[in-house]
Amino acid sequence: MKIVIAGGHGKIALRLTRLLVKRGDAVVGIVRDPRHVDDITRAGGEAVVLDLERATVDEVAATLVGADAAVFSAGSGNSATAERRDRMDRAAVVLVMDAAERAGVRRFLHVSSINVGCADDRGIGEGYAVYLRAKRAAEQHIFARDGLAWTVLRPGVLTDGRGEGTVELTVGDVVGPKVARFDQVAREDVAAVLGALLDRPDTAGRIYVVVGGETPIDQAIAH
């Protein structure tokens, strides 16, 4: 398969790139900063320099031509302003979906957040709330796309610890949980779940919540 990853220099994306390349897939990582190209190359992928906050649909579609799937794993960063969170965590998702449809790519995976349903909670902090509202808005756009075979993955609190190859994977709903959860999951395991979801077209149209657990990933998805 050929997979295009938006946000190709992210910690999940680089792990996913290495995993996919190792199993024989071709990976294209979209990055904003030219200094990140070498990291994509070292991971085995091909880098395309494109700023998703300013790019046109045609520019993004050109990177998707011939791809079997697109993965959105970009993010605004911890210190982003509310305006940038909206541009990156919501509008860029819409942009990549529009581009995928234009390029004829139906499979679309989106990395969201376990707490997307808690965006309006008072106790979570305004910065985090703004981020979650942007993520929630992005999901609403995704759910309305009949032209895409989408899957949304909502990871728990991300860590850089070693992946165990085992997780707790549950099916989520459109609204999402109303109580914030802080269960952790290794980025390496999130990448492995994304790789497994790419192999399972029957997971299209579903929302999954993933945290650390004891079930092997393939088995967790099969159940």
N, C-alpha and C. Protein backbone atom coordinates (compact mmCIF):
# COMPACT_ATOMS: atom_id res chain seq x y z
N MET A 1 0.84 -1.20 0.00
CA MET A 1 0.00 0.00 0.00
C MET A 1 0.87 1.25 0.00
N LYS A 2 0.28 2.33 -0.47
CA LYS A 2 0.91 3.64 -0.35
C LYS A 2 0.06 4.45 0.63
N ILE A 3 0.72 4.95 1.67
CA ILE A 3 0.04 5.69 2.73
C ILE A 3 0.62 7.09 2.80
N VAL A 4 -0.24 8.09 2.84
CA VAL A 4 0.18 9.47 3.03
C VAL A 4 -0.19 9.90 4.45
N ILE A 5 0.79 10.41 5.19
CA ILE A 5 0.57 10.82 6.57
C ILE A 5 0.69 12.33 6.68
N ALA A 6 -0.39 12.99 7.05
CA ALA A 6 -0.35 14.42 7.33
C ALA A 6 0.19 14.62 8.74
N GLY A 7 1.21 15.46 8.85
CA GLY A 7 1.90 15.58 10.13
C GLY A 7 2.96 14.51 10.24
N GLY A 8 3.70 14.29 9.16
CA GLY A 8 4.60 13.15 9.06
C GLY A 8 5.77 13.16 10.01
N HIS A 9 6.06 14.31 10.64
CA HIS A 9 7.18 14.37 11.57
C HIS A 9 6.74 14.18 13.01
N GLY A 10 5.47 13.98 13.25
CA GLY A 10 5.00 13.78 14.61
C GLY A 10 5.53 12.48 15.20
N LYS A 11 5.45 12.39 16.53
CA LYS A 11 6.01 11.21 17.20
C LYS A 11 5.26 9.93 16.86
N ILE A 12 3.95 10.01 16.70
CA ILE A 12 3.20 8.84 16.26
C ILE A 12 3.50 8.56 14.80
N ALA A 13 3.53 9.62 13.98
CA ALA A 13 3.71 9.46 12.54
C ALA A 13 5.04 8.81 12.19
N LEU A 14 6.12 9.23 12.84
CA LEU A 14 7.42 8.62 12.55
C LEU A 14 7.44 7.15 12.94
N ARG A 15 6.82 6.82 14.04
CA ARG A 15 6.73 5.41 14.43
C ARG A 15 5.90 4.63 13.43
N LEU A 16 4.81 5.22 12.98
CA LEU A 16 3.97 4.56 11.99
C LEU A 16 4.71 4.38 10.67
N THR A 17 5.47 5.40 10.29
CA THR A 17 6.25 5.30 9.05
C THR A 17 7.21 4.12 9.11
N ARG A 18 7.95 4.02 10.19
CA ARG A 18 8.90 2.91 10.31
C ARG A 18 8.20 1.56 10.27
N LEU A 19 7.07 1.47 10.93
CA LEU A 19 6.31 0.22 10.95
C LEU A 19 5.82 -0.15 9.55
N LEU A 20 5.24 0.81 8.85
CA LEU A 20 4.70 0.53 7.52
C LEU A 20 5.79 0.19 6.52
N VAL A 21 6.90 0.93 6.58
CA VAL A 21 8.00 0.66 5.65
C VAL A 21 8.58 -0.72 5.90
N LYS A 22 8.69 -1.09 7.16
CA LYS A 22 9.25 -2.40 7.51
C LYS A 22 8.43 -3.54 6.92
N ARG A 23 7.12 -3.34 6.84
CA ARG A 23 6.28 -4.41 6.29
C ARG A 23 6.09 -4.30 4.79
N GLY A 24 6.73 -3.29 4.17
CA GLY A 24 6.73 -3.23 2.71
C GLY A 24 5.85 -2.17 2.08
N ASP A 25 5.24 -1.31 2.89
CA ASP A 25 4.40 -0.24 2.36
C ASP A 25 5.25 0.97 1.98
N ALA A 26 4.72 1.79 1.08
CA ALA A 26 5.35 3.06 0.73
C ALA A 26 4.66 4.16 1.53
N VAL A 27 5.45 5.07 2.10
CA VAL A 27 4.91 6.11 2.97
C VAL A 27 5.38 7.48 2.50
N VAL A 28 4.44 8.40 2.43
CA VAL A 28 4.75 9.80 2.15
C VAL A 28 4.33 10.61 3.37
N GLY A 29 5.26 11.36 3.94
CA GLY A 29 4.97 12.19 5.09
C GLY A 29 4.92 13.66 4.71
N ILE A 30 3.80 14.31 5.00
CA ILE A 30 3.67 15.74 4.74
C ILE A 30 4.22 16.49 5.94
N VAL A 31 5.19 17.36 5.70
CA VAL A 31 5.80 18.14 6.77
C VAL A 31 5.82 19.61 6.39
N ARG A 32 5.79 20.47 7.38
CA ARG A 32 5.83 21.91 7.13
C ARG A 32 7.27 22.43 7.08
N ASP A 33 8.12 21.87 7.91
CA ASP A 33 9.48 22.37 8.09
C ASP A 33 10.46 21.56 7.24
N PRO A 34 11.18 22.19 6.31
CA PRO A 34 12.15 21.45 5.49
C PRO A 34 13.21 20.73 6.32
N ARG A 35 13.46 21.22 7.54
CA ARG A 35 14.47 20.57 8.38
C ARG A 35 14.04 19.18 8.84
N HIS A 36 12.77 18.86 8.66
CA HIS A 36 12.26 17.56 9.10
C HIS A 36 12.34 16.48 8.01
N VAL A 37 12.73 16.89 6.82
CA VAL A 37 12.76 15.95 5.69
C VAL A 37 13.69 14.78 5.98
N ASP A 38 14.86 15.06 6.53
CA ASP A 38 15.83 13.99 6.76
C ASP A 38 15.31 12.95 7.75
N ASP A 39 14.53 13.39 8.74
CA ASP A 39 13.98 12.44 9.70
C ASP A 39 12.99 11.49 9.03
N ILE A 40 12.19 12.02 8.10
CA ILE A 40 11.26 11.17 7.36
C ILE A 40 12.05 10.17 6.51
N THR A 41 13.09 10.67 5.86
CA THR A 41 13.90 9.81 5.00
C THR A 41 14.56 8.70 5.80
N ARG A 42 15.08 9.05 6.97
CA ARG A 42 15.73 8.04 7.82
C ARG A 42 14.74 6.99 8.30
N ALA A 43 13.48 7.38 8.43
CA ALA A 43 12.45 6.43 8.83
C ALA A 43 12.02 5.54 7.67
N GLY A 44 12.48 5.86 6.46
CA GLY A 44 12.16 5.04 5.29
C GLY A 44 11.10 5.61 4.39
N GLY A 45 10.59 6.79 4.75
CA GLY A 45 9.52 7.40 3.96
C GLY A 45 10.03 8.45 3.00
N GLU A 46 9.10 9.01 2.24
CA GLU A 46 9.36 10.14 1.36
C GLU A 46 8.68 11.36 1.96
N ALA A 47 9.38 12.48 1.99
CA ALA A 47 8.83 13.69 2.59
C ALA A 47 8.37 14.67 1.52
N VAL A 48 7.23 15.29 1.77
CA VAL A 48 6.72 16.39 0.95
C VAL A 48 6.56 17.60 1.86
N VAL A 49 7.21 18.70 1.50
CA VAL A 49 7.13 19.91 2.31
C VAL A 49 5.90 20.71 1.88
N LEU A 50 4.96 20.85 2.81
CA LEU A 50 3.70 21.52 2.52
C LEU A 50 3.10 22.01 3.84
N ASP A 51 2.74 23.28 3.89
CA ASP A 51 2.15 23.85 5.09
C ASP A 51 0.63 23.70 5.02
N LEU A 52 0.08 22.82 5.84
CA LEU A 52 -1.34 22.54 5.78
C LEU A 52 -2.20 23.70 6.26
N GLU A 53 -1.59 24.69 6.87
CA GLU A 53 -2.35 25.88 7.28
C GLU A 53 -2.52 26.86 6.13
N ARG A 54 -1.76 26.67 5.04
CA ARG A 54 -1.80 27.60 3.92
C ARG A 54 -2.00 26.92 2.58
N ALA A 55 -1.87 25.62 2.53
CA ALA A 55 -1.93 24.90 1.26
C ALA A 55 -3.33 24.90 0.67
N THR A 56 -3.41 24.72 -0.64
CA THR A 56 -4.69 24.59 -1.33
C THR A 56 -5.07 23.12 -1.41
N VAL A 57 -6.33 22.89 -1.72
CA VAL A 57 -6.81 21.51 -1.89
C VAL A 57 -6.03 20.82 -3.01
N ASP A 58 -5.79 21.52 -4.09
CA ASP A 58 -5.06 20.91 -5.21
C ASP A 58 -3.64 20.53 -4.82
N GLU A 59 -2.99 21.36 -4.02
CA GLU A 59 -1.63 21.05 -3.60
C GLU A 59 -1.59 19.80 -2.74
N VAL A 60 -2.53 19.68 -1.83
CA VAL A 60 -2.57 18.48 -0.99
C VAL A 60 -2.98 17.27 -1.81
N ALA A 61 -3.94 17.45 -2.71
CA ALA A 61 -4.40 16.33 -3.54
C ALA A 61 -3.27 15.77 -4.38
N ALA A 62 -2.35 16.62 -4.81
CA ALA A 62 -1.23 16.16 -5.63
C ALA A 62 -0.35 15.17 -4.86
N THR A 63 -0.26 15.34 -3.52
CA THR A 63 0.53 14.40 -2.72
C THR A 63 -0.21 13.09 -2.50
N LEU A 64 -1.52 13.10 -2.70
CA LEU A 64 -2.35 11.92 -2.42
C LEU A 64 -2.63 11.07 -3.65
N VAL A 65 -2.28 11.56 -4.82
CA VAL A 65 -2.56 10.81 -6.05
C VAL A 65 -1.88 9.44 -5.98
N GLY A 66 -2.64 8.40 -6.21
CA GLY A 66 -2.10 7.04 -6.20
C GLY A 66 -2.02 6.40 -4.83
N ALA A 67 -2.43 7.11 -3.79
CA ALA A 67 -2.37 6.55 -2.44
C ALA A 67 -3.56 5.63 -2.17
N ASP A 68 -3.35 4.70 -1.27
CA ASP A 68 -4.43 3.81 -0.84
C ASP A 68 -5.14 4.34 0.40
N ALA A 69 -4.46 5.21 1.15
CA ALA A 69 -5.07 5.73 2.37
C ALA A 69 -4.34 7.00 2.80
N ALA A 70 -5.06 7.82 3.57
CA ALA A 70 -4.47 9.00 4.20
C ALA A 70 -4.66 8.89 5.70
N VAL A 71 -3.65 9.29 6.44
CA VAL A 71 -3.70 9.30 7.90
C VAL A 71 -3.46 10.74 8.36
N PHE A 72 -4.37 11.28 9.15
CA PHE A 72 -4.16 12.62 9.70
C PHE A 72 -3.64 12.48 11.11
N SER A 73 -2.36 12.84 11.29
CA SER A 73 -1.72 12.75 12.60
C SER A 73 -1.01 14.05 12.94
N ALA A 74 -1.44 15.13 12.32
CA ALA A 74 -0.84 16.44 12.59
C ALA A 74 -1.46 17.05 13.83
N GLY A 75 -0.80 18.06 14.38
CA GLY A 75 -1.33 18.73 15.56
C GLY A 75 -0.76 20.12 15.70
N SER A 76 -1.44 20.93 16.48
CA SER A 76 -1.06 22.33 16.62
C SER A 76 0.06 22.56 17.63
N GLY A 77 0.31 21.61 18.51
CA GLY A 77 1.35 21.77 19.51
C GLY A 77 0.81 22.30 20.83
N ASN A 78 1.56 22.10 21.88
CA ASN A 78 1.09 22.41 23.22
C ASN A 78 0.88 23.89 23.48
N SER A 79 1.67 24.74 22.85
CA SER A 79 1.61 26.18 23.14
C SER A 79 0.88 26.97 22.07
N ALA A 80 0.09 26.33 21.24
CA ALA A 80 -0.57 27.00 20.13
C ALA A 80 -1.65 27.95 20.61
N THR A 81 -1.86 29.00 19.84
CA THR A 81 -2.97 29.91 20.11
C THR A 81 -4.28 29.25 19.70
N ALA A 82 -5.39 29.84 20.14
CA ALA A 82 -6.70 29.31 19.75
C ALA A 82 -6.88 29.35 18.24
N GLU A 83 -6.38 30.41 17.61
CA GLU A 83 -6.51 30.53 16.16
C GLU A 83 -5.74 29.42 15.44
N ARG A 84 -4.54 29.13 15.94
CA ARG A 84 -3.76 28.08 15.28
C ARG A 84 -4.37 26.70 15.56
N ARG A 85 -4.91 26.51 16.72
CA ARG A 85 -5.56 25.22 16.99
C ARG A 85 -6.70 24.99 16.01
N ASP A 86 -7.47 26.03 15.73
CA ASP A 86 -8.57 25.88 14.78
C ASP A 86 -8.03 25.58 13.38
N ARG A 87 -6.99 26.28 12.98
CA ARG A 87 -6.44 26.07 11.63
C ARG A 87 -5.85 24.67 11.48
N MET A 88 -5.17 24.20 12.52
CA MET A 88 -4.45 22.94 12.39
C MET A 88 -5.28 21.73 12.80
N ASP A 89 -6.00 21.86 13.91
CA ASP A 89 -6.70 20.70 14.47
C ASP A 89 -8.11 20.52 13.91
N ARG A 90 -8.60 21.52 13.21
CA ARG A 90 -9.91 21.39 12.56
C ARG A 90 -9.82 21.63 11.05
N ALA A 91 -9.43 22.86 10.66
CA ALA A 91 -9.47 23.22 9.24
C ALA A 91 -8.55 22.36 8.40
N ALA A 92 -7.38 22.01 8.93
CA ALA A 92 -6.45 21.18 8.15
C ALA A 92 -7.01 19.78 7.93
N VAL A 93 -7.79 19.29 8.88
CA VAL A 93 -8.44 17.99 8.70
C VAL A 93 -9.42 18.05 7.54
N VAL A 94 -10.21 19.10 7.50
CA VAL A 94 -11.16 19.29 6.39
C VAL A 94 -10.41 19.39 5.07
N LEU A 95 -9.30 20.13 5.07
CA LEU A 95 -8.49 20.28 3.87
C LEU A 95 -8.01 18.93 3.35
N VAL A 96 -7.47 18.10 4.24
CA VAL A 96 -6.94 16.80 3.81
C VAL A 96 -8.08 15.89 3.33
N MET A 97 -9.23 15.96 3.97
CA MET A 97 -10.36 15.16 3.50
C MET A 97 -10.82 15.62 2.11
N ASP A 98 -10.91 16.92 1.92
CA ASP A 98 -11.28 17.44 0.60
C ASP A 98 -10.28 16.97 -0.46
N ALA A 99 -8.99 17.03 -0.10
CA ALA A 99 -7.96 16.62 -1.04
C ALA A 99 -8.02 15.12 -1.32
N ALA A 100 -8.31 14.33 -0.30
CA ALA A 100 -8.43 12.88 -0.49
C ALA A 100 -9.55 12.56 -1.46
N GLU A 101 -10.69 13.21 -1.26
CA GLU A 101 -11.81 12.97 -2.17
C GLU A 101 -11.46 13.40 -3.59
N ARG A 102 -10.76 14.51 -3.73
CA ARG A 102 -10.38 14.97 -5.06
C ARG A 102 -9.40 14.02 -5.72
N ALA A 103 -8.52 13.42 -4.93
CA ALA A 103 -7.51 12.50 -5.47
C ALA A 103 -8.04 11.08 -5.62
N GLY A 104 -9.27 10.84 -5.18
CA GLY A 104 -9.83 9.50 -5.30
C GLY A 104 -9.37 8.54 -4.22
N VAL A 105 -8.96 9.07 -3.08
CA VAL A 105 -8.52 8.24 -1.95
C VAL A 105 -9.67 8.13 -0.97
N ARG A 106 -10.18 6.93 -0.75
CA ARG A 106 -11.35 6.78 0.12
C ARG A 106 -11.00 6.50 1.57
N ARG A 107 -9.92 5.80 1.82
CA ARG A 107 -9.60 5.40 3.20
C ARG A 107 -8.95 6.56 3.93
N PHE A 108 -9.50 6.89 5.12
CA PHE A 108 -9.01 8.03 5.88
C PHE A 108 -9.03 7.69 7.37
N LEU A 109 -7.86 7.78 7.99
CA LEU A 109 -7.74 7.54 9.43
C LEU A 109 -7.38 8.85 10.12
N HIS A 110 -8.03 9.09 11.25
CA HIS A 110 -7.82 10.34 11.97
C HIS A 110 -7.45 10.06 13.42
N VAL A 111 -6.38 10.69 13.88
CA VAL A 111 -5.96 10.57 15.28
C VAL A 111 -6.57 11.71 16.07
N SER A 112 -7.46 11.40 16.98
CA SER A 112 -8.18 12.40 17.75
C SER A 112 -7.72 12.36 19.21
N SER A 113 -8.63 12.40 20.16
CA SER A 113 -8.28 12.39 21.58
C SER A 113 -9.35 11.67 22.38
N ILE A 114 -8.92 10.96 23.40
CA ILE A 114 -9.85 10.23 24.27
C ILE A 114 -10.86 11.17 24.92
N ASN A 115 -10.47 12.43 25.12
CA ASN A 115 -11.31 13.36 25.88
C ASN A 115 -12.07 14.34 25.00
N VAL A 116 -12.27 13.99 23.75
CA VAL A 116 -12.94 14.92 22.84
C VAL A 116 -14.35 15.28 23.30
N GLY A 117 -14.98 14.41 24.05
CA GLY A 117 -16.33 14.68 24.53
C GLY A 117 -16.37 15.60 25.74
N CYS A 118 -15.20 15.95 26.27
CA CYS A 118 -15.14 16.78 27.49
C CYS A 118 -14.76 18.22 27.18
N ALA A 119 -14.91 18.64 25.94
CA ALA A 119 -14.44 19.95 25.54
C ALA A 119 -15.07 21.09 26.31
N ASP A 120 -16.27 20.90 26.83
CA ASP A 120 -16.97 21.97 27.53
C ASP A 120 -16.90 21.85 29.05
N ASP A 121 -16.13 20.89 29.55
CA ASP A 121 -15.97 20.75 30.98
C ASP A 121 -15.21 21.94 31.56
N ARG A 122 -15.62 22.41 32.71
CA ARG A 122 -15.00 23.60 33.31
C ARG A 122 -13.64 23.32 33.92
N GLY A 123 -13.41 22.11 34.35
CA GLY A 123 -12.21 21.84 35.13
C GLY A 123 -10.99 21.42 34.36
N ILE A 124 -11.02 21.44 33.05
CA ILE A 124 -9.91 20.88 32.29
C ILE A 124 -8.90 21.92 31.82
N GLY A 125 -9.18 23.19 32.04
CA GLY A 125 -8.25 24.23 31.60
C GLY A 125 -8.61 24.74 30.22
N GLU A 126 -8.51 26.05 30.04
CA GLU A 126 -8.98 26.66 28.81
C GLU A 126 -8.16 26.22 27.59
N GLY A 127 -6.84 26.12 27.76
CA GLY A 127 -6.01 25.71 26.62
C GLY A 127 -6.37 24.34 26.11
N TYR A 128 -6.54 23.40 27.05
CA TYR A 128 -6.92 22.04 26.67
C TYR A 128 -8.33 22.02 26.10
N ALA A 129 -9.21 22.82 26.65
CA ALA A 129 -10.59 22.88 26.15
C ALA A 129 -10.64 23.37 24.71
N VAL A 130 -9.84 24.39 24.39
CA VAL A 130 -9.79 24.89 23.01
C VAL A 130 -9.32 23.81 22.06
N TYR A 131 -8.30 23.08 22.48
CA TYR A 131 -7.78 21.96 21.68
C TYR A 131 -8.87 20.92 21.45
N LEU A 132 -9.57 20.55 22.51
CA LEU A 132 -10.60 19.52 22.39
C LEU A 132 -11.78 19.99 21.55
N ARG A 133 -12.12 21.27 21.63
CA ARG A 133 -13.21 21.78 20.80
C ARG A 133 -12.84 21.72 19.33
N ALA A 134 -11.58 22.01 19.01
CA ALA A 134 -11.14 21.90 17.62
C ALA A 134 -11.17 20.45 17.16
N LYS A 135 -10.73 19.54 18.03
CA LYS A 135 -10.77 18.11 17.70
C LYS A 135 -12.21 17.63 17.51
N ARG A 136 -13.09 18.10 18.39
CA ARG A 136 -14.50 17.71 18.29
C ARG A 136 -15.10 18.21 16.98
N ALA A 137 -14.80 19.46 16.62
CA ALA A 137 -15.31 20.01 15.36
C ALA A 137 -14.78 19.23 14.16
N ALA A 138 -13.51 18.83 14.22
CA ALA A 138 -12.94 18.02 13.14
C ALA A 138 -13.68 16.70 13.01
N GLU A 139 -13.96 16.07 14.14
CA GLU A 139 -14.69 14.81 14.09
C GLU A 139 -16.08 14.99 13.47
N GLN A 140 -16.75 16.08 13.79
CA GLN A 140 -18.07 16.30 13.21
C GLN A 140 -18.00 16.40 11.69
N HIS A 141 -16.96 17.03 11.19
CA HIS A 141 -16.75 17.08 9.74
C HIS A 141 -16.53 15.67 9.18
N ILE A 142 -15.76 14.88 9.91
CA ILE A 142 -15.46 13.52 9.44
C ILE A 142 -16.73 12.69 9.36
N PHE A 143 -17.55 12.75 10.41
CA PHE A 143 -18.75 11.93 10.46
C PHE A 143 -19.72 12.26 9.32
N ALA A 144 -19.63 13.45 8.78
CA ALA A 144 -20.53 13.87 7.71
C ALA A 144 -20.04 13.47 6.32
N ARG A 145 -18.87 12.83 6.24
CA ARG A 145 -18.28 12.50 4.94
C ARG A 145 -18.71 11.12 4.47
N ASP A 146 -19.70 11.09 3.61
CA ASP A 146 -20.13 9.82 3.04
C ASP A 146 -19.15 9.30 1.99
N GLY A 147 -18.33 10.21 1.44
CA GLY A 147 -17.41 9.80 0.38
C GLY A 147 -16.12 9.19 0.88
N LEU A 148 -15.93 9.13 2.19
CA LEU A 148 -14.71 8.58 2.75
C LEU A 148 -15.00 7.37 3.63
N ALA A 149 -14.13 6.39 3.57
CA ALA A 149 -14.19 5.24 4.47
C ALA A 149 -13.31 5.59 5.67
N TRP A 150 -13.87 6.37 6.59
CA TRP A 150 -13.09 6.92 7.68
C TRP A 150 -13.10 6.02 8.92
N THR A 151 -12.02 6.14 9.69
CA THR A 151 -11.96 5.56 11.03
C THR A 151 -11.31 6.59 11.95
N VAL A 152 -11.92 6.81 13.10
CA VAL A 152 -11.38 7.76 14.08
C VAL A 152 -10.79 6.97 15.24
N LEU A 153 -9.56 7.30 15.60
CA LEU A 153 -8.89 6.68 16.73
C LEU A 153 -8.67 7.73 17.81
N ARG A 154 -9.19 7.46 19.02
CA ARG A 154 -9.06 8.38 20.15
C ARG A 154 -8.10 7.78 21.18
N PRO A 155 -6.82 8.16 21.14
CA PRO A 155 -5.87 7.62 22.12
C PRO A 155 -6.01 8.29 23.48
N GLY A 156 -5.55 7.57 24.50
CA GLY A 156 -5.44 8.15 25.82
C GLY A 156 -4.24 9.08 25.89
N VAL A 157 -3.79 9.37 27.10
CA VAL A 157 -2.64 10.25 27.29
C VAL A 157 -1.40 9.57 26.71
N LEU A 158 -0.73 10.26 25.81
CA LEU A 158 0.35 9.65 25.06
C LEU A 158 1.66 9.66 25.82
N THR A 159 2.39 8.56 25.74
CA THR A 159 3.71 8.47 26.37
C THR A 159 4.72 7.98 25.33
N ASP A 160 5.98 8.20 25.65
CA ASP A 160 7.06 7.73 24.78
C ASP A 160 7.64 6.41 25.27
N GLY A 161 6.94 5.76 26.17
CA GLY A 161 7.40 4.47 26.67
C GLY A 161 7.37 3.40 25.59
N ARG A 162 8.00 2.32 25.87
CA ARG A 162 8.07 1.21 24.93
C ARG A 162 6.68 0.61 24.73
N GLY A 163 6.32 0.38 23.48
CA GLY A 163 5.06 -0.27 23.18
C GLY A 163 5.10 -1.74 23.54
N GLU A 164 3.99 -2.23 24.05
CA GLU A 164 3.93 -3.63 24.46
C GLU A 164 3.24 -4.51 23.41
N GLY A 165 2.60 -3.87 22.43
CA GLY A 165 1.86 -4.65 21.44
C GLY A 165 0.52 -5.12 21.97
N THR A 166 0.15 -4.63 23.15
CA THR A 166 -1.14 -4.97 23.75
C THR A 166 -1.83 -3.68 24.17
N VAL A 167 -3.16 -3.65 24.06
CA VAL A 167 -3.92 -2.44 24.36
C VAL A 167 -5.29 -2.80 24.93
N GLU A 168 -6.00 -1.79 25.37
CA GLU A 168 -7.43 -1.89 25.61
C GLU A 168 -8.10 -1.05 24.54
N LEU A 169 -8.89 -1.68 23.69
CA LEU A 169 -9.52 -0.99 22.57
C LEU A 169 -11.03 -1.14 22.70
N THR A 170 -11.72 -0.01 22.76
CA THR A 170 -13.17 -0.03 22.87
C THR A 170 -13.78 0.80 21.76
N VAL A 171 -15.01 0.49 21.42
CA VAL A 171 -15.72 1.24 20.40
C VAL A 171 -16.34 2.47 21.04
N GLY A 172 -16.06 3.64 20.48
CA GLY A 172 -16.61 4.88 20.99
C GLY A 172 -17.87 5.28 20.24
N ASP A 173 -18.42 6.41 20.65
CA ASP A 173 -19.59 6.92 19.95
C ASP A 173 -19.33 8.35 19.50
N VAL A 174 -20.28 8.93 18.79
CA VAL A 174 -20.09 10.23 18.19
C VAL A 174 -19.90 11.31 19.24
N VAL A 175 -20.60 11.21 20.36
CA VAL A 175 -20.53 12.24 21.39
C VAL A 175 -19.21 12.16 22.16
N GLY A 176 -18.80 10.96 22.53
CA GLY A 176 -17.60 10.79 23.32
C GLY A 176 -17.91 10.88 24.81
N PRO A 177 -17.01 10.37 25.66
CA PRO A 177 -17.25 10.35 27.10
C PRO A 177 -17.29 11.76 27.67
N LYS A 178 -18.16 11.97 28.65
CA LYS A 178 -18.31 13.27 29.26
C LYS A 178 -17.37 13.49 30.45
N VAL A 179 -16.75 12.43 30.91
CA VAL A 179 -15.83 12.52 32.04
C VAL A 179 -14.41 12.33 31.52
N ALA A 180 -13.53 13.26 31.84
CA ALA A 180 -12.16 13.18 31.35
C ALA A 180 -11.46 11.93 31.86
N ARG A 181 -10.71 11.30 30.97
CA ARG A 181 -9.93 10.12 31.33
C ARG A 181 -8.46 10.41 31.09
N PHE A 182 -7.62 9.84 31.94
CA PHE A 182 -6.19 10.09 31.84
C PHE A 182 -5.40 8.78 31.76
N ASP A 183 -6.07 7.74 31.25
CA ASP A 183 -5.38 6.48 30.98
C ASP A 183 -4.28 6.72 29.95
N GLN A 184 -3.16 6.07 30.13
CA GLN A 184 -2.03 6.28 29.24
C GLN A 184 -1.95 5.21 28.16
N VAL A 185 -1.26 5.56 27.09
CA VAL A 185 -0.97 4.60 26.02
C VAL A 185 0.31 5.04 25.32
N ALA A 186 1.15 4.09 25.00
CA ALA A 186 2.41 4.40 24.34
C ALA A 186 2.16 4.78 22.87
N ARG A 187 2.87 5.79 22.42
CA ARG A 187 2.75 6.20 21.02
C ARG A 187 3.07 5.03 20.07
N GLU A 188 4.00 4.21 20.48
CA GLU A 188 4.36 3.05 19.66
C GLU A 188 3.17 2.12 19.47
N ASP A 189 2.38 1.94 20.51
CA ASP A 189 1.19 1.09 20.39
C ASP A 189 0.10 1.77 19.57
N VAL A 190 -0.02 3.09 19.69
CA VAL A 190 -0.99 3.81 18.87
C VAL A 190 -0.64 3.65 17.39
N ALA A 191 0.66 3.78 17.07
CA ALA A 191 1.09 3.58 15.68
C ALA A 191 0.77 2.17 15.20
N ALA A 192 0.97 1.20 16.06
CA ALA A 192 0.68 -0.19 15.69
C ALA A 192 -0.81 -0.40 15.46
N VAL A 193 -1.65 0.25 16.27
CA VAL A 193 -3.09 0.15 16.06
C VAL A 193 -3.47 0.78 14.73
N LEU A 194 -2.89 1.94 14.41
CA LEU A 194 -3.18 2.57 13.12
C LEU A 194 -2.78 1.64 11.96
N GLY A 195 -1.62 1.04 12.07
CA GLY A 195 -1.19 0.11 11.02
C GLY A 195 -2.15 -1.05 10.86
N ALA A 196 -2.65 -1.58 11.97
CA ALA A 196 -3.60 -2.68 11.90
C ALA A 196 -4.94 -2.23 11.33
N LEU A 197 -5.38 -1.02 11.67
CA LEU A 197 -6.64 -0.50 11.14
C LEU A 197 -6.57 -0.31 9.62
N LEU A 198 -5.40 0.06 9.14
CA LEU A 198 -5.24 0.23 7.69
C LEU A 198 -5.48 -1.09 6.96
N ASP A 199 -5.19 -2.19 7.61
CA ASP A 199 -5.38 -3.51 7.01
C ASP A 199 -6.80 -4.03 7.15
N ARG A 200 -7.64 -3.29 7.86
CA ARG A 200 -8.99 -3.77 8.14
C ARG A 200 -10.04 -2.79 7.60
N PRO A 201 -10.43 -2.94 6.33
CA PRO A 201 -11.44 -2.04 5.77
C PRO A 201 -12.78 -2.13 6.48
N ASP A 202 -13.02 -3.23 7.21
CA ASP A 202 -14.28 -3.37 7.93
C ASP A 202 -14.36 -2.47 9.16
N THR A 203 -13.26 -1.78 9.49
CA THR A 203 -13.29 -0.84 10.61
C THR A 203 -13.72 0.56 10.17
N ALA A 204 -14.01 0.73 8.90
CA ALA A 204 -14.47 2.03 8.40
C ALA A 204 -15.81 2.39 9.04
N GLY A 205 -15.98 3.69 9.30
CA GLY A 205 -17.21 4.16 9.90
C GLY A 205 -17.29 3.94 11.40
N ARG A 206 -16.15 3.62 12.03
CA ARG A 206 -16.14 3.34 13.46
C ARG A 206 -15.20 4.28 14.20
N ILE A 207 -15.47 4.45 15.47
CA ILE A 207 -14.66 5.25 16.38
C ILE A 207 -14.08 4.29 17.42
N TYR A 208 -12.77 4.37 17.64
CA TYR A 208 -12.14 3.51 18.63
C TYR A 208 -11.41 4.36 19.67
N VAL A 209 -11.48 3.91 20.91
CA VAL A 209 -10.72 4.50 22.02
C VAL A 209 -9.63 3.50 22.39
N VAL A 210 -8.38 3.97 22.47
CA VAL A 210 -7.28 3.06 22.77
C VAL A 210 -6.47 3.58 23.95
N VAL A 211 -6.25 2.69 24.91
CA VAL A 211 -5.37 2.96 26.05
C VAL A 211 -4.53 1.71 26.27
N GLY A 212 -3.60 1.80 27.19
CA GLY A 212 -2.79 0.64 27.49
C GLY A 212 -3.64 -0.49 28.04
N GLY A 213 -3.27 -1.72 27.70
CA GLY A 213 -4.04 -2.87 28.15
C GLY A 213 -3.30 -4.16 27.94
N GLU A 214 -4.03 -5.27 28.01
CA GLU A 214 -3.41 -6.59 27.98
C GLU A 214 -3.75 -7.40 26.74
N THR A 215 -4.56 -6.85 25.84
CA THR A 215 -5.01 -7.62 24.68
C THR A 215 -4.13 -7.34 23.47
N PRO A 216 -3.61 -8.37 22.82
CA PRO A 216 -2.83 -8.14 21.59
C PRO A 216 -3.64 -7.33 20.58
N ILE A 217 -2.95 -6.44 19.87
CA ILE A 217 -3.64 -5.46 19.03
C ILE A 217 -4.54 -6.10 18.00
N ASP A 218 -4.05 -7.08 17.26
CA ASP A 218 -4.89 -7.72 16.24
C ASP A 218 -6.14 -8.33 16.85
N GLN A 219 -5.96 -8.94 18.01
CA GLN A 219 -7.10 -9.56 18.69
C GLN A 219 -8.09 -8.50 19.18
N ALA A 220 -7.55 -7.38 19.66
CA ALA A 220 -8.42 -6.30 20.15
C ALA A 220 -9.27 -5.75 19.02
N ILE A 221 -8.69 -5.58 17.85
CA ILE A 221 -9.46 -5.06 16.72
C ILE A 221 -10.46 -6.09 16.23
N ALA A 222 -10.08 -7.35 16.21
CA ALA A 222 -10.98 -8.41 15.75
C ALA A 222 -12.21 -8.51 16.64
N HIS A 223 -12.06 -8.19 17.90
CA HIS A 223 -13.19 -8.27 18.83
C HIS A 223 -14.07 -7.05 18.79
